[in-house]
Amino acid sequence: MRQMVALALALSTVGCAGQKFAYPGEKLWERYPLDGQRMWEYVNEDPTVEYSLRIDKSSSTLVDGKEVATLTHTAVDSEGGETLLHELDWSTDADDGIELWSWTDFTADSAGVTVDFDPPIQMAAREMNAGDSVSTTTGGGDYTSQYLGLGDCPNNWSNDTWECAQVELTSSVGGEPFTGVYWIAMSYGTSWMEPVEVGGKWVLSNAVFGSE
């Protein structure tokens, strides 16, 4: 009994002396769901932007035993006209977190120009604490993603105020539509996003989820 008390006192003293204990991080991959059928629509906070942004999960494939989902980004004008912008191939799982495998640009060439990432860009590790960052060198560029912490992220689709994890992805390349700041919510995905190249903050206005 005395030994147990002495051990407890010793551990307490070590903690008070300033030892930094490790705590489990936020599981960011749970906030970027790609399963089933998914569609998100966003509007820009700037009222002068006259189109909305629709993101569809258009297909998926297995790579190294994990699902890699293609998210197709389309601009939709006020009259319903559509312009294909780009496609991003993402995966999310408990082992490797959130990864970007490739992207295809349709804005300069309607046939599409694809850039593959081997290894994939890691947007989030399996678990991260606020302030943590991960870096990837791939596809001719250096990419760094930092988890900035949790905060409220209300949107135009839900009446509830969501809590989001804020993640910022930067690049040494430039001209890529996926770099910027994302606010991602548990089970639903991105509530807000602020892509560097697209401009402005885009807020979720509609979403559809279903089983395949």
N, C-alpha and C. Protein backbone atom coordinates (compact mmCIF):
# COMPACT_ATOMS: atom_id res chain seq x y z
N MET A 1 0.84 -1.19 0.00
CA MET A 1 0.00 0.00 0.00
C MET A 1 0.87 1.25 0.00
N ARG A 2 1.91 1.26 0.86
CA ARG A 2 2.82 2.40 0.91
C ARG A 2 3.53 2.59 -0.42
N GLN A 3 3.89 1.47 -1.07
CA GLN A 3 4.56 1.56 -2.36
C GLN A 3 3.66 2.21 -3.40
N MET A 4 2.36 1.86 -3.39
CA MET A 4 1.41 2.42 -4.35
C MET A 4 1.24 3.92 -4.13
N VAL A 5 1.15 4.33 -2.82
CA VAL A 5 1.03 5.75 -2.51
C VAL A 5 2.28 6.50 -2.95
N ALA A 6 3.44 5.91 -2.68
CA ALA A 6 4.69 6.55 -3.05
C ALA A 6 4.79 6.72 -4.56
N LEU A 7 4.33 5.68 -5.31
CA LEU A 7 4.36 5.75 -6.76
C LEU A 7 3.44 6.84 -7.28
N ALA A 8 2.25 6.94 -6.68
CA ALA A 8 1.30 7.96 -7.09
C ALA A 8 1.85 9.36 -6.84
N LEU A 9 2.49 9.54 -5.68
CA LEU A 9 3.09 10.83 -5.36
C LEU A 9 4.22 11.16 -6.32
N ALA A 10 5.00 10.15 -6.69
CA ALA A 10 6.11 10.38 -7.61
C ALA A 10 5.61 10.81 -8.98
N LEU A 11 4.56 10.13 -9.46
CA LEU A 11 3.99 10.49 -10.76
C LEU A 11 3.39 11.89 -10.72
N SER A 12 2.73 12.22 -9.59
CA SER A 12 2.15 13.55 -9.45
C SER A 12 3.23 14.61 -9.49
N THR A 13 4.36 14.34 -8.84
CA THR A 13 5.46 15.29 -8.81
C THR A 13 6.03 15.51 -10.19
N VAL A 14 6.17 14.40 -10.96
CA VAL A 14 6.70 14.52 -12.31
C VAL A 14 5.79 15.38 -13.16
N GLY A 15 4.47 15.18 -13.02
CA GLY A 15 3.52 15.98 -13.79
C GLY A 15 3.61 17.44 -13.43
N CYS A 16 3.70 17.75 -12.12
CA CYS A 16 3.77 19.14 -11.69
C CYS A 16 5.07 19.79 -12.12
N ALA A 17 6.10 18.98 -12.35
CA ALA A 17 7.40 19.53 -12.74
C ALA A 17 7.40 19.97 -14.19
N GLY A 18 6.31 19.69 -14.91
CA GLY A 18 6.22 20.21 -16.27
C GLY A 18 6.31 19.17 -17.36
N GLN A 19 6.24 17.88 -17.02
CA GLN A 19 6.28 16.87 -18.06
C GLN A 19 5.05 17.02 -18.95
N LYS A 20 5.24 16.94 -20.27
CA LYS A 20 4.14 17.06 -21.23
C LYS A 20 3.61 15.68 -21.57
N PHE A 21 2.37 15.41 -21.16
CA PHE A 21 1.77 14.12 -21.44
C PHE A 21 1.18 14.12 -22.85
N ALA A 22 1.26 12.99 -23.52
CA ALA A 22 0.72 12.86 -24.87
C ALA A 22 -0.76 12.47 -24.81
N TYR A 23 -1.60 13.19 -25.52
CA TYR A 23 -3.02 12.91 -25.59
C TYR A 23 -3.39 12.50 -27.00
N PRO A 24 -4.40 11.63 -27.14
CA PRO A 24 -4.84 11.24 -28.48
C PRO A 24 -5.28 12.47 -29.26
N GLY A 25 -4.97 12.49 -30.54
CA GLY A 25 -5.34 13.63 -31.36
C GLY A 25 -6.74 13.48 -31.95
N GLU A 26 -7.15 14.50 -32.68
CA GLU A 26 -8.44 14.49 -33.36
C GLU A 26 -8.35 13.56 -34.57
N LYS A 27 -9.36 12.72 -34.74
CA LYS A 27 -9.42 11.81 -35.88
C LYS A 27 -10.05 12.54 -37.06
N LEU A 28 -9.23 13.28 -37.78
CA LEU A 28 -9.73 14.14 -38.85
C LEU A 28 -10.32 13.34 -40.01
N TRP A 29 -9.86 12.13 -40.22
CA TRP A 29 -10.38 11.33 -41.33
C TRP A 29 -11.87 11.04 -41.17
N GLU A 30 -12.37 11.04 -39.92
CA GLU A 30 -13.79 10.82 -39.70
C GLU A 30 -14.63 12.01 -40.15
N ARG A 31 -13.98 13.14 -40.39
CA ARG A 31 -14.67 14.36 -40.80
C ARG A 31 -14.60 14.57 -42.32
N TYR A 32 -14.11 13.59 -43.03
CA TYR A 32 -14.01 13.70 -44.49
C TYR A 32 -14.57 12.42 -45.12
N PRO A 33 -15.86 12.15 -44.93
CA PRO A 33 -16.44 10.88 -45.38
C PRO A 33 -16.58 10.82 -46.90
N LEU A 34 -16.28 9.65 -47.45
CA LEU A 34 -16.36 9.44 -48.89
C LEU A 34 -17.15 8.18 -49.25
N ASP A 35 -17.80 7.58 -48.27
CA ASP A 35 -18.53 6.35 -48.53
C ASP A 35 -19.88 6.66 -49.17
N GLY A 36 -20.44 5.65 -49.84
CA GLY A 36 -21.78 5.78 -50.40
C GLY A 36 -21.87 6.80 -51.52
N GLN A 37 -23.09 7.27 -51.77
CA GLN A 37 -23.33 8.31 -52.77
C GLN A 37 -23.32 9.67 -52.07
N ARG A 38 -22.58 10.62 -52.63
CA ARG A 38 -22.44 11.91 -51.95
C ARG A 38 -22.42 13.06 -52.95
N MET A 39 -23.07 14.15 -52.54
CA MET A 39 -23.08 15.39 -53.31
C MET A 39 -23.15 16.56 -52.34
N TRP A 40 -22.36 17.60 -52.62
CA TRP A 40 -22.38 18.82 -51.83
C TRP A 40 -22.53 20.01 -52.76
N GLU A 41 -23.27 21.03 -52.33
CA GLU A 41 -23.38 22.28 -53.08
C GLU A 41 -22.96 23.43 -52.18
N TYR A 42 -22.26 24.41 -52.76
CA TYR A 42 -21.74 25.54 -52.00
C TYR A 42 -22.04 26.85 -52.71
N VAL A 43 -22.25 27.89 -51.92
CA VAL A 43 -22.40 29.24 -52.46
C VAL A 43 -21.31 30.11 -51.86
N ASN A 44 -20.88 31.09 -52.63
CA ASN A 44 -19.84 32.00 -52.17
C ASN A 44 -20.43 33.08 -51.27
N GLU A 45 -19.70 33.44 -50.23
CA GLU A 45 -20.17 34.52 -49.34
C GLU A 45 -20.27 35.86 -50.07
N ASP A 46 -19.52 36.01 -51.14
CA ASP A 46 -19.56 37.24 -51.92
C ASP A 46 -20.79 37.20 -52.84
N PRO A 47 -21.78 38.08 -52.63
CA PRO A 47 -23.02 38.03 -53.42
C PRO A 47 -22.81 38.34 -54.89
N THR A 48 -21.64 38.89 -55.26
CA THR A 48 -21.39 39.20 -56.66
C THR A 48 -20.96 37.96 -57.46
N VAL A 49 -20.63 36.87 -56.75
CA VAL A 49 -20.29 35.62 -57.44
C VAL A 49 -21.60 34.97 -57.88
N GLU A 50 -21.81 34.86 -59.18
CA GLU A 50 -23.11 34.47 -59.72
C GLU A 50 -23.24 32.99 -60.05
N TYR A 51 -22.36 32.19 -59.52
CA TYR A 51 -22.48 30.74 -59.73
C TYR A 51 -22.27 30.01 -58.41
N SER A 52 -22.81 28.80 -58.34
CA SER A 52 -22.59 27.94 -57.18
C SER A 52 -21.61 26.85 -57.58
N LEU A 53 -21.13 26.12 -56.58
CA LEU A 53 -20.17 25.05 -56.81
C LEU A 53 -20.77 23.73 -56.34
N ARG A 54 -20.86 22.78 -57.26
CA ARG A 54 -21.38 21.45 -56.90
C ARG A 54 -20.25 20.43 -56.96
N ILE A 55 -20.17 19.60 -55.93
CA ILE A 55 -19.16 18.55 -55.87
C ILE A 55 -19.88 17.21 -55.78
N ASP A 56 -19.64 16.35 -56.78
CA ASP A 56 -20.26 15.03 -56.83
C ASP A 56 -19.21 13.95 -56.66
N LYS A 57 -19.53 12.93 -55.88
CA LYS A 57 -18.72 11.72 -55.90
C LYS A 57 -19.14 10.95 -57.14
N SER A 58 -18.30 11.01 -58.18
CA SER A 58 -18.69 10.47 -59.47
C SER A 58 -18.25 9.03 -59.70
N SER A 59 -17.21 8.59 -59.00
CA SER A 59 -16.75 7.21 -59.14
C SER A 59 -15.80 6.90 -58.00
N SER A 60 -15.41 5.64 -57.90
CA SER A 60 -14.40 5.23 -56.91
C SER A 60 -13.71 3.97 -57.39
N THR A 61 -12.51 3.76 -56.88
CA THR A 61 -11.74 2.58 -57.22
C THR A 61 -10.92 2.17 -56.01
N LEU A 62 -10.44 0.93 -56.00
CA LEU A 62 -9.60 0.45 -54.91
C LEU A 62 -8.14 0.59 -55.28
N VAL A 63 -7.37 1.22 -54.40
CA VAL A 63 -5.93 1.37 -54.57
C VAL A 63 -5.26 0.93 -53.27
N ASP A 64 -4.44 -0.09 -53.37
CA ASP A 64 -3.77 -0.62 -52.17
C ASP A 64 -4.76 -0.97 -51.07
N GLY A 65 -5.94 -1.47 -51.46
CA GLY A 65 -6.93 -1.91 -50.50
C GLY A 65 -7.79 -0.82 -49.91
N LYS A 66 -7.64 0.43 -50.36
CA LYS A 66 -8.47 1.53 -49.84
C LYS A 66 -9.26 2.15 -50.98
N GLU A 67 -10.44 2.69 -50.63
CA GLU A 67 -11.27 3.32 -51.64
C GLU A 67 -10.74 4.72 -51.96
N VAL A 68 -10.50 4.97 -53.24
CA VAL A 68 -10.13 6.29 -53.71
C VAL A 68 -11.31 6.82 -54.51
N ALA A 69 -11.91 7.90 -54.01
CA ALA A 69 -13.13 8.45 -54.60
C ALA A 69 -12.79 9.67 -55.46
N THR A 70 -13.40 9.73 -56.64
CA THR A 70 -13.26 10.88 -57.51
C THR A 70 -14.36 11.89 -57.21
N LEU A 71 -13.97 13.10 -56.82
CA LEU A 71 -14.92 14.18 -56.56
C LEU A 71 -14.84 15.17 -57.72
N THR A 72 -15.96 15.29 -58.43
CA THR A 72 -16.05 16.15 -59.60
C THR A 72 -16.60 17.51 -59.22
N HIS A 73 -15.87 18.59 -59.54
CA HIS A 73 -16.25 19.96 -59.20
C HIS A 73 -16.83 20.65 -60.43
N THR A 74 -18.06 21.16 -60.29
CA THR A 74 -18.77 21.78 -61.40
C THR A 74 -19.31 23.14 -60.97
N ALA A 75 -19.11 24.16 -61.80
CA ALA A 75 -19.70 25.47 -61.57
C ALA A 75 -21.09 25.49 -62.20
N VAL A 76 -22.09 25.96 -61.43
CA VAL A 76 -23.47 26.00 -61.91
C VAL A 76 -23.94 27.45 -61.87
N ASP A 77 -24.32 28.00 -63.04
CA ASP A 77 -24.74 29.39 -63.07
C ASP A 77 -26.20 29.54 -62.68
N SER A 78 -26.67 30.78 -62.64
CA SER A 78 -28.02 31.07 -62.15
C SER A 78 -29.11 30.48 -63.03
N GLU A 79 -28.79 30.15 -64.28
CA GLU A 79 -29.76 29.57 -65.19
C GLU A 79 -29.63 28.05 -65.32
N GLY A 80 -28.77 27.48 -64.48
CA GLY A 80 -28.59 26.03 -64.48
C GLY A 80 -27.52 25.53 -65.42
N GLY A 81 -26.84 26.43 -66.11
CA GLY A 81 -25.74 26.01 -66.98
C GLY A 81 -24.57 25.49 -66.17
N GLU A 82 -23.91 24.45 -66.67
CA GLU A 82 -22.83 23.80 -65.93
C GLU A 82 -21.51 23.89 -66.67
N THR A 83 -20.44 24.11 -65.91
CA THR A 83 -19.09 24.12 -66.45
C THR A 83 -18.21 23.21 -65.60
N LEU A 84 -17.67 22.17 -66.22
CA LEU A 84 -16.79 21.24 -65.51
C LEU A 84 -15.46 21.94 -65.20
N LEU A 85 -15.07 21.93 -63.93
CA LEU A 85 -13.85 22.60 -63.50
C LEU A 85 -12.68 21.63 -63.32
N HIS A 86 -12.82 20.70 -62.40
CA HIS A 86 -11.74 19.76 -62.13
C HIS A 86 -12.26 18.55 -61.34
N GLU A 87 -11.41 17.54 -61.27
CA GLU A 87 -11.69 16.35 -60.48
C GLU A 87 -10.53 16.11 -59.52
N LEU A 88 -10.87 15.70 -58.30
CA LEU A 88 -9.88 15.38 -57.28
C LEU A 88 -10.12 13.95 -56.79
N ASP A 89 -9.05 13.19 -56.67
CA ASP A 89 -9.13 11.80 -56.21
C ASP A 89 -8.64 11.71 -54.77
N TRP A 90 -9.58 11.47 -53.84
CA TRP A 90 -9.29 11.46 -52.41
C TRP A 90 -9.49 10.07 -51.81
N SER A 91 -8.80 9.81 -50.72
CA SER A 91 -9.11 8.66 -49.87
C SER A 91 -9.07 9.10 -48.41
N THR A 92 -9.80 8.38 -47.58
CA THR A 92 -9.81 8.69 -46.15
C THR A 92 -10.00 7.39 -45.38
N ASP A 93 -9.10 7.11 -44.44
CA ASP A 93 -9.25 5.90 -43.63
C ASP A 93 -8.48 6.03 -42.32
N ALA A 94 -8.70 5.05 -41.44
CA ALA A 94 -8.15 5.11 -40.08
C ALA A 94 -6.64 4.88 -40.05
N ASP A 95 -6.07 4.33 -41.10
CA ASP A 95 -4.63 4.04 -41.10
C ASP A 95 -3.80 5.23 -41.59
N ASP A 96 -4.20 5.81 -42.70
CA ASP A 96 -3.37 6.84 -43.35
C ASP A 96 -4.01 8.22 -43.36
N GLY A 97 -5.17 8.38 -42.72
CA GLY A 97 -5.80 9.69 -42.67
C GLY A 97 -6.41 10.09 -44.00
N ILE A 98 -6.28 11.37 -44.37
CA ILE A 98 -6.86 11.91 -45.60
C ILE A 98 -5.74 12.12 -46.61
N GLU A 99 -5.92 11.55 -47.82
CA GLU A 99 -4.88 11.63 -48.84
C GLU A 99 -5.47 12.05 -50.19
N LEU A 100 -4.69 12.81 -50.95
CA LEU A 100 -5.06 13.23 -52.31
C LEU A 100 -4.12 12.53 -53.29
N TRP A 101 -4.71 11.77 -54.21
CA TRP A 101 -3.93 10.91 -55.11
C TRP A 101 -3.66 11.55 -56.47
N SER A 102 -4.56 12.39 -56.93
CA SER A 102 -4.36 13.04 -58.23
C SER A 102 -5.42 14.12 -58.41
N TRP A 103 -5.18 14.99 -59.40
CA TRP A 103 -6.22 15.95 -59.76
C TRP A 103 -6.17 16.18 -61.26
N THR A 104 -7.33 16.49 -61.84
CA THR A 104 -7.46 16.72 -63.28
C THR A 104 -8.08 18.09 -63.51
N ASP A 105 -7.41 18.90 -64.34
CA ASP A 105 -7.86 20.25 -64.64
C ASP A 105 -8.57 20.26 -66.00
N PHE A 106 -9.82 20.74 -66.01
CA PHE A 106 -10.59 20.85 -67.26
C PHE A 106 -10.75 22.30 -67.72
N THR A 107 -10.18 23.25 -66.98
CA THR A 107 -10.39 24.65 -67.31
C THR A 107 -9.54 25.11 -68.48
N ALA A 108 -8.36 24.55 -68.65
CA ALA A 108 -7.48 24.93 -69.76
C ALA A 108 -7.63 24.02 -70.97
N ASP A 109 -8.04 22.77 -70.72
CA ASP A 109 -8.19 21.78 -71.79
C ASP A 109 -9.41 20.93 -71.45
N SER A 110 -10.42 20.94 -72.31
CA SER A 110 -11.65 20.21 -72.03
C SER A 110 -11.43 18.71 -71.94
N ALA A 111 -10.33 18.22 -72.49
CA ALA A 111 -10.00 16.80 -72.39
C ALA A 111 -9.45 16.45 -71.01
N GLY A 112 -8.98 17.47 -70.30
CA GLY A 112 -8.46 17.27 -68.95
C GLY A 112 -6.96 17.02 -68.92
N VAL A 113 -6.28 17.67 -68.01
CA VAL A 113 -4.85 17.46 -67.77
C VAL A 113 -4.69 16.95 -66.35
N THR A 114 -4.12 15.74 -66.20
CA THR A 114 -4.06 15.07 -64.90
C THR A 114 -2.66 15.13 -64.31
N VAL A 115 -2.59 15.41 -63.02
CA VAL A 115 -1.34 15.34 -62.25
C VAL A 115 -1.52 14.27 -61.19
N ASP A 116 -0.66 13.25 -61.22
CA ASP A 116 -0.71 12.17 -60.23
C ASP A 116 0.27 12.46 -59.11
N PHE A 117 -0.08 12.00 -57.91
CA PHE A 117 0.78 12.18 -56.75
C PHE A 117 1.18 10.81 -56.20
N ASP A 118 2.48 10.50 -56.29
CA ASP A 118 3.02 9.23 -55.79
C ASP A 118 4.30 9.53 -55.04
N PRO A 119 4.25 9.58 -53.70
CA PRO A 119 3.12 9.21 -52.83
C PRO A 119 2.01 10.26 -52.86
N PRO A 120 0.82 9.87 -52.38
CA PRO A 120 -0.27 10.85 -52.32
C PRO A 120 0.02 11.97 -51.32
N ILE A 121 -0.58 13.13 -51.56
CA ILE A 121 -0.48 14.23 -50.61
C ILE A 121 -1.27 13.88 -49.36
N GLN A 122 -0.64 14.00 -48.20
CA GLN A 122 -1.34 13.73 -46.95
C GLN A 122 -1.92 15.04 -46.42
N MET A 123 -3.25 15.12 -46.45
CA MET A 123 -3.93 16.30 -45.93
C MET A 123 -4.09 16.22 -44.41
N ALA A 124 -4.18 15.00 -43.90
CA ALA A 124 -4.29 14.81 -42.45
C ALA A 124 -3.76 13.44 -42.09
N ALA A 125 -3.00 13.37 -41.00
CA ALA A 125 -2.55 12.09 -40.47
C ALA A 125 -3.71 11.40 -39.75
N ARG A 126 -3.47 10.20 -39.29
CA ARG A 126 -4.52 9.42 -38.62
C ARG A 126 -5.10 10.19 -37.44
N GLU A 127 -4.25 10.78 -36.63
CA GLU A 127 -4.67 11.62 -35.51
C GLU A 127 -3.76 12.84 -35.45
N MET A 128 -4.36 14.00 -35.17
CA MET A 128 -3.57 15.23 -35.08
C MET A 128 -4.10 16.11 -33.96
N ASN A 129 -3.19 16.79 -33.29
CA ASN A 129 -3.54 17.81 -32.31
C ASN A 129 -3.41 19.19 -32.95
N ALA A 130 -4.14 20.17 -32.43
CA ALA A 130 -4.08 21.52 -32.97
C ALA A 130 -2.63 22.00 -33.01
N GLY A 131 -2.22 22.51 -34.15
CA GLY A 131 -0.85 22.96 -34.34
C GLY A 131 0.02 21.95 -35.05
N ASP A 132 -0.40 20.68 -35.09
CA ASP A 132 0.37 19.64 -35.78
C ASP A 132 0.31 19.87 -37.29
N SER A 133 1.37 19.46 -37.99
CA SER A 133 1.39 19.56 -39.44
C SER A 133 2.03 18.31 -40.04
N VAL A 134 1.69 18.05 -41.29
CA VAL A 134 2.29 16.94 -42.04
C VAL A 134 2.74 17.50 -43.39
N SER A 135 3.86 17.00 -43.89
CA SER A 135 4.40 17.49 -45.15
C SER A 135 4.62 16.34 -46.12
N THR A 136 4.43 16.61 -47.41
CA THR A 136 4.62 15.62 -48.46
C THR A 136 5.35 16.27 -49.62
N THR A 137 6.39 15.60 -50.12
CA THR A 137 7.05 16.02 -51.35
C THR A 137 6.66 15.04 -52.44
N THR A 138 5.96 15.54 -53.46
CA THR A 138 5.43 14.66 -54.50
C THR A 138 4.99 15.50 -55.69
N GLY A 139 4.94 14.88 -56.87
CA GLY A 139 4.42 15.55 -58.05
C GLY A 139 5.13 16.84 -58.40
N GLY A 140 6.40 16.95 -58.01
CA GLY A 140 7.16 18.16 -58.32
C GLY A 140 6.93 19.31 -57.38
N GLY A 141 6.31 19.06 -56.24
CA GLY A 141 6.05 20.15 -55.30
C GLY A 141 6.14 19.70 -53.86
N ASP A 142 6.15 20.68 -52.95
CA ASP A 142 6.15 20.43 -51.51
C ASP A 142 4.81 20.89 -50.95
N TYR A 143 4.18 20.04 -50.16
CA TYR A 143 2.84 20.31 -49.63
C TYR A 143 2.87 20.16 -48.12
N THR A 144 2.26 21.11 -47.43
CA THR A 144 2.17 21.07 -45.97
C THR A 144 0.74 21.31 -45.55
N SER A 145 0.25 20.45 -44.67
CA SER A 145 -1.10 20.60 -44.14
C SER A 145 -1.00 20.75 -42.63
N GLN A 146 -1.71 21.75 -42.09
CA GLN A 146 -1.69 22.00 -40.64
C GLN A 146 -3.10 21.98 -40.09
N TYR A 147 -3.26 21.28 -38.97
CA TYR A 147 -4.53 21.27 -38.25
C TYR A 147 -4.54 22.45 -37.30
N LEU A 148 -5.51 23.35 -37.49
CA LEU A 148 -5.53 24.61 -36.75
C LEU A 148 -6.43 24.59 -35.52
N GLY A 149 -7.27 23.54 -35.36
CA GLY A 149 -8.11 23.45 -34.18
C GLY A 149 -9.59 23.37 -34.53
N LEU A 150 -10.44 23.34 -33.49
CA LEU A 150 -11.88 23.20 -33.64
C LEU A 150 -12.58 24.55 -33.49
N GLY A 151 -13.72 24.69 -34.16
CA GLY A 151 -14.51 25.91 -34.04
C GLY A 151 -15.87 25.73 -34.69
N ASP A 152 -16.79 26.64 -34.40
CA ASP A 152 -18.13 26.58 -35.00
C ASP A 152 -18.06 26.93 -36.48
N CYS A 153 -18.94 26.28 -37.26
CA CYS A 153 -18.95 26.50 -38.71
C CYS A 153 -20.37 26.38 -39.24
N PRO A 154 -21.28 27.29 -38.86
CA PRO A 154 -22.67 27.22 -39.33
C PRO A 154 -22.73 27.36 -40.85
N ASN A 155 -23.73 26.73 -41.45
CA ASN A 155 -23.85 26.79 -42.91
C ASN A 155 -25.31 27.03 -43.31
N ASN A 156 -25.57 27.03 -44.60
CA ASN A 156 -26.90 27.33 -45.12
C ASN A 156 -27.76 26.08 -45.35
N TRP A 157 -27.25 24.91 -45.00
CA TRP A 157 -27.99 23.67 -45.21
C TRP A 157 -28.62 23.16 -43.90
N SER A 158 -27.88 23.23 -42.83
CA SER A 158 -28.34 22.73 -41.54
C SER A 158 -28.75 23.88 -40.63
N ASN A 159 -29.80 23.67 -39.84
CA ASN A 159 -30.22 24.65 -38.85
C ASN A 159 -29.36 24.60 -37.59
N ASP A 160 -28.59 23.53 -37.44
CA ASP A 160 -27.71 23.38 -36.29
C ASP A 160 -26.37 24.05 -36.57
N THR A 161 -25.72 24.48 -35.50
CA THR A 161 -24.37 25.02 -35.63
C THR A 161 -23.38 23.88 -35.49
N TRP A 162 -22.69 23.58 -36.56
CA TRP A 162 -21.74 22.48 -36.55
C TRP A 162 -20.42 22.90 -35.90
N GLU A 163 -19.71 21.89 -35.37
CA GLU A 163 -18.34 22.09 -34.92
C GLU A 163 -17.41 21.49 -35.95
N CYS A 164 -16.47 22.27 -36.42
CA CYS A 164 -15.58 21.82 -37.48
C CYS A 164 -14.11 21.84 -37.04
N ALA A 165 -13.34 20.97 -37.67
CA ALA A 165 -11.89 21.02 -37.57
C ALA A 165 -11.38 21.85 -38.74
N GLN A 166 -10.51 22.79 -38.45
CA GLN A 166 -9.98 23.68 -39.48
C GLN A 166 -8.60 23.18 -39.92
N VAL A 167 -8.48 22.94 -41.23
CA VAL A 167 -7.24 22.40 -41.79
C VAL A 167 -6.79 23.30 -42.95
N GLU A 168 -5.51 23.64 -42.97
CA GLU A 168 -4.98 24.47 -44.05
C GLU A 168 -3.92 23.68 -44.83
N LEU A 169 -4.11 23.61 -46.16
CA LEU A 169 -3.18 22.92 -47.04
C LEU A 169 -2.48 23.94 -47.93
N THR A 170 -1.15 23.96 -47.89
CA THR A 170 -0.37 24.90 -48.70
C THR A 170 0.53 24.12 -49.66
N SER A 171 0.98 24.83 -50.71
CA SER A 171 1.77 24.20 -51.76
C SER A 171 2.85 25.14 -52.24
N SER A 172 3.96 24.57 -52.70
CA SER A 172 5.03 25.36 -53.30
C SER A 172 4.80 25.56 -54.79
N VAL A 173 3.77 24.91 -55.34
CA VAL A 173 3.55 24.92 -56.78
C VAL A 173 2.70 26.11 -57.20
N GLY A 174 1.50 26.24 -56.62
CA GLY A 174 0.58 27.30 -56.99
C GLY A 174 -0.30 26.89 -58.16
N GLY A 175 -1.46 27.56 -58.28
CA GLY A 175 -2.36 27.27 -59.37
C GLY A 175 -3.20 26.02 -59.19
N GLU A 176 -3.22 25.49 -57.98
CA GLU A 176 -3.96 24.25 -57.71
C GLU A 176 -5.23 24.57 -56.93
N PRO A 177 -6.38 24.03 -57.34
CA PRO A 177 -7.65 24.41 -56.72
C PRO A 177 -7.91 23.79 -55.35
N PHE A 178 -7.06 22.86 -54.93
CA PHE A 178 -7.31 22.17 -53.67
C PHE A 178 -6.55 22.75 -52.49
N THR A 179 -5.65 23.71 -52.72
CA THR A 179 -4.96 24.32 -51.59
C THR A 179 -5.84 25.41 -50.98
N GLY A 180 -5.70 25.61 -49.69
CA GLY A 180 -6.52 26.59 -48.98
C GLY A 180 -6.92 26.07 -47.62
N VAL A 181 -8.00 26.62 -47.09
CA VAL A 181 -8.47 26.28 -45.75
C VAL A 181 -9.81 25.55 -45.84
N TYR A 182 -9.93 24.46 -45.09
CA TYR A 182 -11.15 23.66 -45.05
C TYR A 182 -11.66 23.59 -43.61
N TRP A 183 -12.98 23.69 -43.44
CA TRP A 183 -13.62 23.46 -42.15
C TRP A 183 -14.47 22.20 -42.31
N ILE A 184 -14.06 21.11 -41.67
CA ILE A 184 -14.68 19.80 -41.92
C ILE A 184 -15.42 19.31 -40.67
N ALA A 185 -16.64 18.80 -40.89
CA ALA A 185 -17.53 18.42 -39.79
C ALA A 185 -17.67 16.90 -39.72
N MET A 186 -17.87 16.40 -38.51
CA MET A 186 -18.03 14.97 -38.29
C MET A 186 -19.19 14.43 -39.12
N SER A 187 -18.95 13.37 -39.87
CA SER A 187 -19.94 12.61 -40.65
C SER A 187 -20.39 13.30 -41.93
N TYR A 188 -20.30 14.63 -42.03
CA TYR A 188 -20.85 15.34 -43.17
C TYR A 188 -19.81 15.83 -44.17
N GLY A 189 -18.62 16.13 -43.70
CA GLY A 189 -17.59 16.63 -44.60
C GLY A 189 -17.41 18.13 -44.48
N THR A 190 -17.12 18.78 -45.60
CA THR A 190 -16.74 20.19 -45.60
C THR A 190 -17.95 21.11 -45.47
N SER A 191 -17.95 21.93 -44.41
CA SER A 191 -19.00 22.92 -44.19
C SER A 191 -18.63 24.25 -44.83
N TRP A 192 -17.37 24.64 -44.69
CA TRP A 192 -16.84 25.83 -45.35
C TRP A 192 -15.54 25.44 -46.04
N MET A 193 -15.20 26.16 -47.10
CA MET A 193 -13.87 26.03 -47.68
C MET A 193 -13.47 27.34 -48.32
N GLU A 194 -12.19 27.58 -48.31
CA GLU A 194 -11.64 28.83 -48.83
C GLU A 194 -10.44 28.50 -49.72
N PRO A 195 -10.71 28.01 -50.94
CA PRO A 195 -9.61 27.64 -51.84
C PRO A 195 -8.83 28.87 -52.30
N VAL A 196 -7.52 28.76 -52.29
CA VAL A 196 -6.68 29.90 -52.63
C VAL A 196 -6.93 30.35 -54.06
N GLU A 197 -7.00 29.42 -55.00
CA GLU A 197 -7.09 29.77 -56.42
C GLU A 197 -8.51 30.13 -56.85
N VAL A 198 -9.53 29.57 -56.19
CA VAL A 198 -10.91 29.84 -56.59
C VAL A 198 -11.38 31.16 -56.02
N GLY A 199 -10.96 31.49 -54.81
CA GLY A 199 -11.27 32.78 -54.21
C GLY A 199 -12.52 32.77 -53.35
N GLY A 200 -12.46 33.49 -52.22
CA GLY A 200 -13.60 33.65 -51.34
C GLY A 200 -13.89 32.42 -50.49
N LYS A 201 -14.85 32.59 -49.57
CA LYS A 201 -15.28 31.47 -48.73
C LYS A 201 -16.56 30.87 -49.30
N TRP A 202 -16.55 29.57 -49.46
CA TRP A 202 -17.69 28.83 -49.98
C TRP A 202 -18.38 28.10 -48.83
N VAL A 203 -19.70 28.28 -48.72
CA VAL A 203 -20.47 27.78 -47.59
C VAL A 203 -21.47 26.72 -48.09
N LEU A 204 -21.56 25.62 -47.37
CA LEU A 204 -22.45 24.53 -47.75
C LEU A 204 -23.90 25.01 -47.80
N SER A 205 -24.59 24.73 -48.92
CA SER A 205 -25.99 25.12 -49.07
C SER A 205 -26.91 23.93 -49.28
N ASN A 206 -26.35 22.78 -49.66
CA ASN A 206 -27.17 21.58 -49.88
C ASN A 206 -26.24 20.37 -49.87
N ALA A 207 -26.82 19.23 -49.49
CA ALA A 207 -26.03 18.00 -49.51
C ALA A 207 -26.96 16.80 -49.65
N VAL A 208 -26.45 15.76 -50.29
CA VAL A 208 -27.20 14.51 -50.46
C VAL A 208 -26.28 13.36 -50.12
N PHE A 209 -26.75 12.47 -49.24
CA PHE A 209 -25.98 11.29 -48.88
C PHE A 209 -26.87 10.06 -49.04
N GLY A 210 -26.30 8.95 -49.50
CA GLY A 210 -27.06 7.72 -49.63
C GLY A 210 -26.14 6.53 -49.79
N SER A 211 -26.69 5.35 -49.56
CA SER A 211 -25.90 4.13 -49.72
C SER A 211 -25.82 3.76 -51.19
N GLU A 212 -24.74 3.09 -51.55
CA GLU A 212 -24.57 2.70 -52.94
C GLU A 212 -25.37 1.44 -53.24
